[in-house]
Amino acid sequence: MRDIHKAGRYKVLVAAETDVLSDEEESALEDYVEEGGFLVVTHSIGRMYPDFTYRHSLAMEETLKVRYEGVFYFGYVFVDLGDAYREYWEGLPEAVVFGDFSTAFTRERTEPRLGELVRARPLDGAKVLGWGRLGRSAYGYEYTLGRSTPAPDSKLNMAAITLGGRGLGKTLYYSVRLGAHYSRLGHPDYAELLLRPLKKEAPPPEAWSDAPDTVQTEFFRKGDTVGAHLVNLTFNERILSTITGPSKQSLPAYHPSYNVHPPRVLVPVGPFKVRLPNTSGERLNVYDAVTGKSLDYVSDGDGVLVNIRTLGEYMVILAEPRS
């Protein structure tokens, strides 16, 4: 938050479960939205002040367009995408599950706090993109010891995903622990749940890459300069299994249960193409900012196609007007 005064240079800010927030920081985020920014927040933003005393509400409620009414605790909950399914999430399950089985499995079958849903009552001006839905039971029964997901059941009168805002800007609020689920399980449905409305409400540059999924590609633009960060995550080893805690059932049954092979060799990737927009319409210098070497490219309408012969560990592509 020490750099919050720089927020205006960014189109989107993501405050993922920022529980601790001062009044000054709350005011700065509200100003960011007021001036046209797009703020994405999850779960219990601003529940505590910096001295760890509770607000007994969420921060920025009038901006998020939701009223905090406590937290709903259950083994599993669902986000019902409902009316916004075709608008934002075509191809995803219409009810996305939140929750997971406990790996410790000592007193509870489900992981504590993962299946939480903030009781968020929408206010005037809110556009609810997804509603909370109850699981048919606290856990499923198909597998051993109830380690499966239950079926979805009744729809709750609790907003799970809400589009709000104030002034020139917008907010996107998720009342579930979206980041915690993606970090734990890596399931693409959780990534798409965030990315789809984000790309629609705050479109990224017209850029793409046909590199394999193991190449992390992030695009950026500053003035007339556009670019891409490329990180190669293609290694020679894979995680076979990892420890499941005190449970005596090691799943999968490798021996020993903690059987993780760390990366040892990075595997070069290529060839592939990266497409960057030409924001200036001028002739460009296209080069790797790490090595300074020029890169081959061809014009592609209002953009350029950059040919990447081989990607080692890391590359920063820049395309800027020729001076």
Protein backbone atom coordinates (compact mmCIF):
# COMPACT_ATOMS: atom_id res chain seq x y z
CA MET A 1 0.00 0.00 0.00
CA ARG A 2 3.00 2.35 0.25
CA ASP A 3 2.77 2.80 -3.54
CA ILE A 4 -0.99 3.34 -3.65
CA HIS A 5 -0.40 6.89 -4.94
CA LYS A 6 0.85 5.27 -8.18
CA ALA A 7 -2.40 3.37 -8.71
CA GLY A 8 -3.69 5.77 -11.35
CA ARG A 9 -1.18 4.48 -13.93
CA TYR A 10 -2.83 1.03 -13.87
CA LYS A 11 -6.06 0.05 -15.59
CA VAL A 12 -6.72 -2.79 -13.10
CA LEU A 13 -5.76 -3.42 -9.47
CA VAL A 14 -6.32 -6.81 -7.81
CA ALA A 15 -6.60 -6.75 -4.01
CA ALA A 16 -6.86 -10.47 -3.29
CA GLU A 17 -8.27 -11.00 0.21
CA THR A 18 -6.72 -7.84 1.62
CA ASP A 19 -8.05 -8.32 5.14
CA VAL A 20 -6.12 -5.46 6.77
CA LEU A 21 -6.89 -1.97 5.51
CA SER A 22 -6.61 1.46 7.14
CA ASP A 23 -9.11 4.26 6.60
CA GLU A 24 -6.52 6.13 4.53
CA GLU A 25 -5.89 3.10 2.30
CA GLU A 26 -9.62 2.53 1.89
CA SER A 27 -10.04 6.16 0.83
CA ALA A 28 -7.15 5.85 -1.67
CA LEU A 29 -8.74 2.77 -3.28
CA GLU A 30 -12.08 4.52 -3.50
CA ASP A 31 -10.40 7.50 -5.20
CA TYR A 32 -8.76 5.10 -7.65
CA VAL A 33 -12.16 3.70 -8.62
CA GLU A 34 -13.77 7.14 -8.67
CA GLU A 35 -11.20 8.32 -11.22
CA GLY A 36 -11.82 5.42 -13.61
CA GLY A 37 -9.86 2.47 -12.22
CA PHE A 38 -11.09 -1.13 -12.15
CA LEU A 39 -10.62 -2.74 -8.71
CA VAL A 40 -10.95 -6.51 -8.19
CA VAL A 41 -11.30 -7.76 -4.60
CA THR A 42 -12.04 -11.11 -2.98
CA HIS A 43 -13.66 -12.39 0.20
CA SER A 44 -13.09 -10.26 3.30
CA ILE A 45 -11.48 -7.01 2.17
CA GLY A 46 -10.81 -4.61 5.02
CA ARG A 47 -12.35 -6.71 7.79
CA MET A 48 -9.57 -5.49 10.11
CA TYR A 49 -7.74 -2.24 10.80
CA PRO A 50 -3.93 -2.22 11.00
CA ASP A 51 -4.15 -2.78 14.79
CA PHE A 52 -6.14 -6.00 14.02
CA THR A 53 -9.40 -4.77 15.49
CA TYR A 54 -12.48 -5.63 13.43
CA ARG A 55 -14.67 -3.32 11.37
CA HIS A 56 -17.61 -5.75 11.58
CA SER A 57 -18.18 -4.90 7.92
CA LEU A 58 -16.27 -4.88 4.67
CA ALA A 59 -14.30 -1.88 3.53
CA MET A 60 -15.68 0.13 0.59
CA GLU A 61 -19.18 -1.36 0.84
CA GLU A 62 -20.84 1.57 -0.94
CA THR A 63 -18.32 1.21 -3.77
CA LEU A 64 -18.52 -2.59 -3.97
CA LYS A 65 -22.33 -2.32 -3.80
CA VAL A 66 -22.65 -5.10 -1.21
CA ARG A 67 -23.55 -5.19 2.49
CA TYR A 68 -21.63 -7.56 4.77
CA GLU A 69 -23.87 -9.82 6.84
CA GLY A 70 -21.38 -12.35 8.21
CA VAL A 71 -19.76 -15.47 6.77
CA PHE A 72 -21.48 -18.67 5.68
CA TYR A 73 -19.46 -21.75 6.73
CA PHE A 74 -20.00 -25.10 5.05
CA GLY A 75 -17.87 -27.95 3.75
CA TYR A 76 -18.47 -27.00 0.12
CA VAL A 77 -20.32 -24.13 -1.54
CA PHE A 78 -21.02 -23.40 -5.19
CA VAL A 79 -21.04 -20.25 -7.30
CA ASP A 80 -24.10 -20.31 -9.57
CA LEU A 81 -23.21 -18.36 -12.71
CA GLY A 82 -26.87 -18.13 -13.68
CA ASP A 83 -27.85 -15.28 -16.00
CA ALA A 84 -24.22 -14.21 -16.58
CA TYR A 85 -23.21 -17.66 -17.83
CA ARG A 86 -23.50 -16.87 -21.54
CA GLU A 87 -22.24 -13.30 -21.11
CA TYR A 88 -19.00 -14.20 -19.31
CA TRP A 89 -18.49 -17.91 -18.72
CA GLU A 90 -19.70 -19.93 -21.69
CA GLY A 91 -18.10 -23.38 -21.50
CA LEU A 92 -17.54 -23.44 -17.74
CA PRO A 93 -19.75 -25.43 -15.35
CA GLU A 94 -22.86 -23.43 -14.52
CA ALA A 95 -22.19 -24.13 -10.83
CA VAL A 96 -18.50 -23.92 -9.84
CA VAL A 97 -17.57 -25.72 -6.62
CA PHE A 98 -15.55 -24.13 -3.82
CA GLY A 99 -14.02 -26.30 -1.10
CA ASP A 100 -11.69 -29.30 -0.87
CA PHE A 101 -11.18 -32.38 1.26
CA SER A 102 -8.87 -32.16 4.26
CA THR A 103 -5.40 -33.64 3.76
CA ALA A 104 -4.83 -33.79 7.52
CA PHE A 105 -8.18 -35.53 8.04
CA THR A 106 -8.04 -35.59 11.82
CA ARG A 107 -11.31 -33.98 12.92
CA GLU A 108 -12.86 -32.69 9.71
CA ARG A 109 -13.42 -34.20 6.29
CA THR A 110 -13.13 -30.82 4.54
CA GLU A 111 -10.41 -28.19 4.63
CA PRO A 112 -11.39 -25.51 7.18
CA ARG A 113 -12.34 -22.10 5.74
CA LEU A 114 -12.00 -23.06 2.07
CA GLY A 115 -15.75 -23.50 1.66
CA GLU A 116 -16.57 -20.08 3.10
CA LEU A 117 -18.93 -17.65 1.42
CA VAL A 118 -19.29 -14.07 2.65
CA ARG A 119 -22.95 -13.24 3.17
CA ALA A 120 -23.00 -10.33 0.73
CA ARG A 121 -26.36 -8.60 0.21
CA PRO A 122 -26.37 -6.61 -3.06
CA LEU A 123 -27.17 -2.90 -2.80
CA ASP A 124 -28.79 -0.58 -5.34
CA GLY A 125 -26.59 -0.30 -8.41
CA ALA A 126 -25.06 -3.77 -8.04
CA LYS A 127 -25.00 -6.19 -10.96
CA VAL A 128 -24.87 -9.72 -9.54
CA LEU A 129 -22.91 -12.02 -11.88
CA GLY A 130 -23.08 -15.11 -9.68
CA TRP A 131 -25.10 -16.30 -6.67
CA GLY A 132 -24.09 -18.62 -3.86
CA ARG A 133 -25.45 -22.16 -3.94
CA LEU A 134 -25.53 -24.72 -1.17
CA GLY A 135 -24.00 -28.17 -1.46
CA ARG A 136 -26.40 -31.08 -1.05
CA SER A 137 -24.31 -32.22 1.91
CA ALA A 138 -21.21 -31.12 3.79
CA TYR A 139 -19.14 -33.57 1.71
CA GLY A 140 -19.63 -36.28 -0.88
CA TYR A 141 -19.73 -40.06 -0.51
CA GLU A 142 -18.46 -41.57 -3.77
CA TYR A 143 -14.86 -42.07 -2.62
CA THR A 144 -13.26 -43.27 0.59
CA LEU A 145 -14.18 -41.41 3.75
CA GLY A 146 -16.26 -38.76 1.97
CA ARG A 147 -13.41 -37.18 0.06
CA SER A 148 -15.52 -36.28 -2.96
CA THR A 149 -17.47 -33.19 -3.90
CA PRO A 150 -21.21 -33.10 -3.12
CA ALA A 151 -23.81 -32.21 -5.73
CA PRO A 152 -25.10 -28.61 -5.85
CA ASP A 153 -28.40 -27.93 -4.14
CA SER A 154 -30.45 -24.87 -3.21
CA LYS A 155 -29.61 -21.40 -4.45
CA LEU A 156 -28.80 -18.92 -1.67
CA ASN A 157 -29.83 -15.29 -1.53
CA MET A 158 -26.16 -14.30 -1.28
CA ALA A 159 -24.20 -12.57 -4.04
CA ALA A 160 -21.06 -14.51 -4.91
CA ILE A 161 -19.75 -12.28 -7.73
CA THR A 162 -20.81 -8.63 -7.90
CA LEU A 163 -20.01 -5.85 -10.36
CA GLY A 164 -20.14 -2.47 -8.64
CA GLY A 165 -18.33 0.84 -8.80
CA ARG A 166 -18.47 4.57 -8.32
CA GLY A 167 -17.69 7.63 -10.42
CA LEU A 168 -15.90 6.60 -13.62
CA GLY A 169 -14.66 3.25 -12.33
CA LYS A 170 -15.88 -0.25 -11.58
CA THR A 171 -15.33 -2.94 -8.96
CA LEU A 172 -15.55 -6.72 -9.18
CA TYR A 173 -16.14 -8.49 -5.87
CA TYR A 174 -15.84 -12.25 -5.24
CA SER A 175 -17.25 -13.33 -1.89
CA VAL A 176 -15.39 -16.68 -2.06
CA ARG A 177 -11.69 -17.48 -1.59
CA LEU A 178 -10.95 -17.57 -5.30
CA GLY A 179 -7.19 -17.08 -5.06
CA ALA A 180 -6.77 -19.68 -2.32
CA HIS A 181 -8.55 -22.29 -4.45
CA TYR A 182 -6.50 -21.56 -7.55
CA SER A 183 -3.28 -21.63 -5.52
CA ARG A 184 -4.22 -24.95 -3.90
CA LEU A 185 -5.71 -26.81 -6.86
CA GLY A 186 -4.58 -24.94 -9.98
CA HIS A 187 -7.89 -25.70 -11.66
CA PRO A 188 -8.46 -23.64 -14.85
CA ASP A 189 -12.11 -22.98 -13.95
CA TYR A 190 -10.93 -20.75 -11.09
CA ALA A 191 -8.58 -18.85 -13.41
CA GLU A 192 -11.32 -18.37 -16.01
CA LEU A 193 -13.78 -17.25 -13.35
CA LEU A 194 -11.51 -14.28 -12.75
CA LEU A 195 -10.12 -13.69 -16.23
CA ARG A 196 -13.30 -13.74 -18.33
CA PRO A 197 -15.04 -10.67 -16.79
CA LEU A 198 -11.68 -8.98 -16.28
CA LYS A 199 -10.86 -9.17 -20.00
CA LYS A 200 -14.34 -7.99 -20.93
CA GLU A 201 -14.52 -5.06 -18.54
CA ALA A 202 -10.85 -4.03 -18.92
CA PRO A 203 -9.69 -5.41 -22.28
CA PRO A 204 -5.99 -6.22 -22.62
CA PRO A 205 -4.00 -5.20 -25.71
CA GLU A 206 -4.76 -7.14 -28.89
CA ALA A 207 -1.94 -9.55 -28.26
CA TRP A 208 -1.46 -13.32 -28.16
CA SER A 209 1.11 -16.06 -28.26
CA ASP A 210 0.92 -19.59 -29.65
CA ALA A 211 3.64 -20.82 -27.28
CA PRO A 212 2.88 -23.96 -25.21
CA ASP A 213 0.99 -23.59 -21.94
CA THR A 214 4.25 -24.06 -20.05
CA VAL A 215 5.37 -20.63 -21.30
CA GLN A 216 3.98 -17.89 -19.05
CA THR A 217 3.20 -14.89 -21.25
CA GLU A 218 2.24 -11.46 -19.94
CA PHE A 219 1.66 -8.43 -22.16
CA PHE A 220 2.03 -4.78 -21.27
CA ARG A 221 1.88 -1.34 -22.85
CA LYS A 222 3.41 2.00 -21.86
CA GLY A 223 2.66 4.86 -24.22
CA ASP A 224 3.50 3.74 -27.76
CA THR A 225 5.72 0.92 -26.52
CA VAL A 226 4.21 -2.55 -26.26
CA GLY A 227 5.87 -5.69 -25.03
CA ALA A 228 5.65 -9.15 -23.57
CA HIS A 229 7.32 -11.00 -20.71
CA LEU A 230 7.99 -14.65 -21.58
CA VAL A 231 8.94 -17.09 -18.84
CA ASN A 232 9.73 -20.71 -19.75
CA LEU A 233 8.41 -23.14 -17.14
CA THR A 234 9.25 -26.27 -19.14
CA PHE A 235 11.40 -28.53 -16.97
CA ASN A 236 12.66 -32.09 -17.19
CA GLU A 237 10.95 -33.23 -13.97
CA ARG A 238 7.37 -33.37 -12.75
CA ILE A 239 5.82 -33.65 -9.30
CA LEU A 240 4.67 -37.24 -8.89
CA SER A 241 3.04 -36.86 -5.49
CA THR A 242 3.33 -34.82 -2.37
CA ILE A 243 2.72 -35.35 1.31
CA THR A 244 -0.93 -35.66 2.38
CA GLY A 245 -0.40 -34.89 6.06
CA PRO A 246 -1.19 -37.19 9.02
CA SER A 247 -3.64 -39.23 6.95
CA LYS A 248 -2.55 -42.87 6.67
CA GLN A 249 -3.98 -43.03 3.17
CA SER A 250 -1.32 -41.68 0.86
CA LEU A 251 -2.97 -40.77 -2.44
CA PRO A 252 -1.55 -41.68 -4.89
CA ALA A 253 0.21 -44.61 -3.27
CA TYR A 254 3.84 -43.78 -4.07
CA HIS A 255 6.56 -44.73 -1.64
CA PRO A 256 7.72 -42.69 0.09
CA SER A 257 4.64 -40.48 0.25
CA TYR A 258 6.81 -37.38 -0.15
CA ASN A 259 8.13 -38.02 -3.65
CA VAL A 260 8.79 -34.68 -5.33
CA HIS A 261 11.32 -34.34 -8.14
CA PRO A 262 12.63 -30.76 -8.30
CA PRO A 263 13.43 -29.14 -11.68
CA ARG A 264 16.99 -29.80 -12.77
CA VAL A 265 17.13 -28.90 -16.47
CA LEU A 266 15.22 -26.19 -18.30
CA VAL A 267 13.98 -27.38 -21.70
CA PRO A 268 14.17 -24.71 -24.46
CA VAL A 269 10.89 -24.07 -26.30
CA GLY A 270 10.34 -22.96 -29.89
CA PRO A 271 9.69 -21.95 -32.52
CA PHE A 272 6.49 -19.99 -31.87
CA LYS A 273 4.98 -16.57 -32.60
CA VAL A 274 4.00 -13.62 -30.43
CA ARG A 275 1.54 -11.05 -31.75
CA LEU A 276 1.87 -7.44 -30.52
CA PRO A 277 -0.33 -4.48 -31.47
CA ASN A 278 1.27 -1.52 -33.25
CA THR A 279 -0.23 1.34 -31.25
CA SER A 280 1.61 4.09 -33.10
CA GLY A 281 1.18 2.84 -36.67
CA GLU A 282 4.85 3.63 -37.30
CA ARG A 283 7.86 1.49 -38.20
CA LEU A 284 9.08 -0.36 -35.15
CA ASN A 285 12.19 -1.58 -33.46
CA VAL A 286 11.46 -5.06 -32.11
CA TYR A 287 14.08 -6.57 -29.83
CA ASP A 288 14.80 -8.67 -26.74
CA ALA A 289 15.36 -6.20 -23.90
CA VAL A 290 17.42 -8.76 -21.96
CA THR A 291 20.04 -9.33 -24.65
CA GLY A 292 19.47 -6.28 -26.85
CA LYS A 293 19.23 -8.48 -29.97
CA SER A 294 16.78 -7.58 -32.74
CA LEU A 295 13.94 -10.01 -33.42
CA ASP A 296 12.41 -11.01 -36.75
CA TYR A 297 8.86 -9.81 -37.33
CA VAL A 298 6.30 -9.27 -40.06
CA SER A 299 3.40 -6.81 -40.22
CA ASP A 300 -0.03 -8.19 -39.28
CA GLY A 301 -2.66 -5.55 -40.02
CA ASP A 302 -2.50 -3.14 -37.07
CA GLY A 303 0.10 -5.29 -35.32
CA VAL A 304 3.27 -7.32 -35.76
CA LEU A 305 4.01 -11.04 -35.58
CA VAL A 306 7.31 -11.69 -33.82
CA ASN A 307 9.11 -14.95 -34.60
CA ILE A 308 10.71 -16.58 -31.55
CA ARG A 309 13.10 -19.30 -32.67
CA THR A 310 14.06 -20.52 -29.18
CA LEU A 311 13.05 -19.41 -25.70
CA GLY A 312 15.49 -20.22 -22.94
CA GLU A 313 14.58 -19.20 -19.42
CA TYR A 314 13.30 -15.65 -19.89
CA MET A 315 12.73 -13.01 -22.54
CA VAL A 316 11.32 -9.49 -22.62
CA ILE A 317 10.08 -8.46 -26.07
CA LEU A 318 9.77 -4.73 -26.74
CA ALA A 319 8.24 -3.11 -29.83
CA GLU A 320 8.73 0.65 -29.96
CA PRO A 321 8.59 3.30 -32.69
CA ARG A 322 11.86 4.01 -34.45
CA SER A 323 13.24 7.36 -33.34
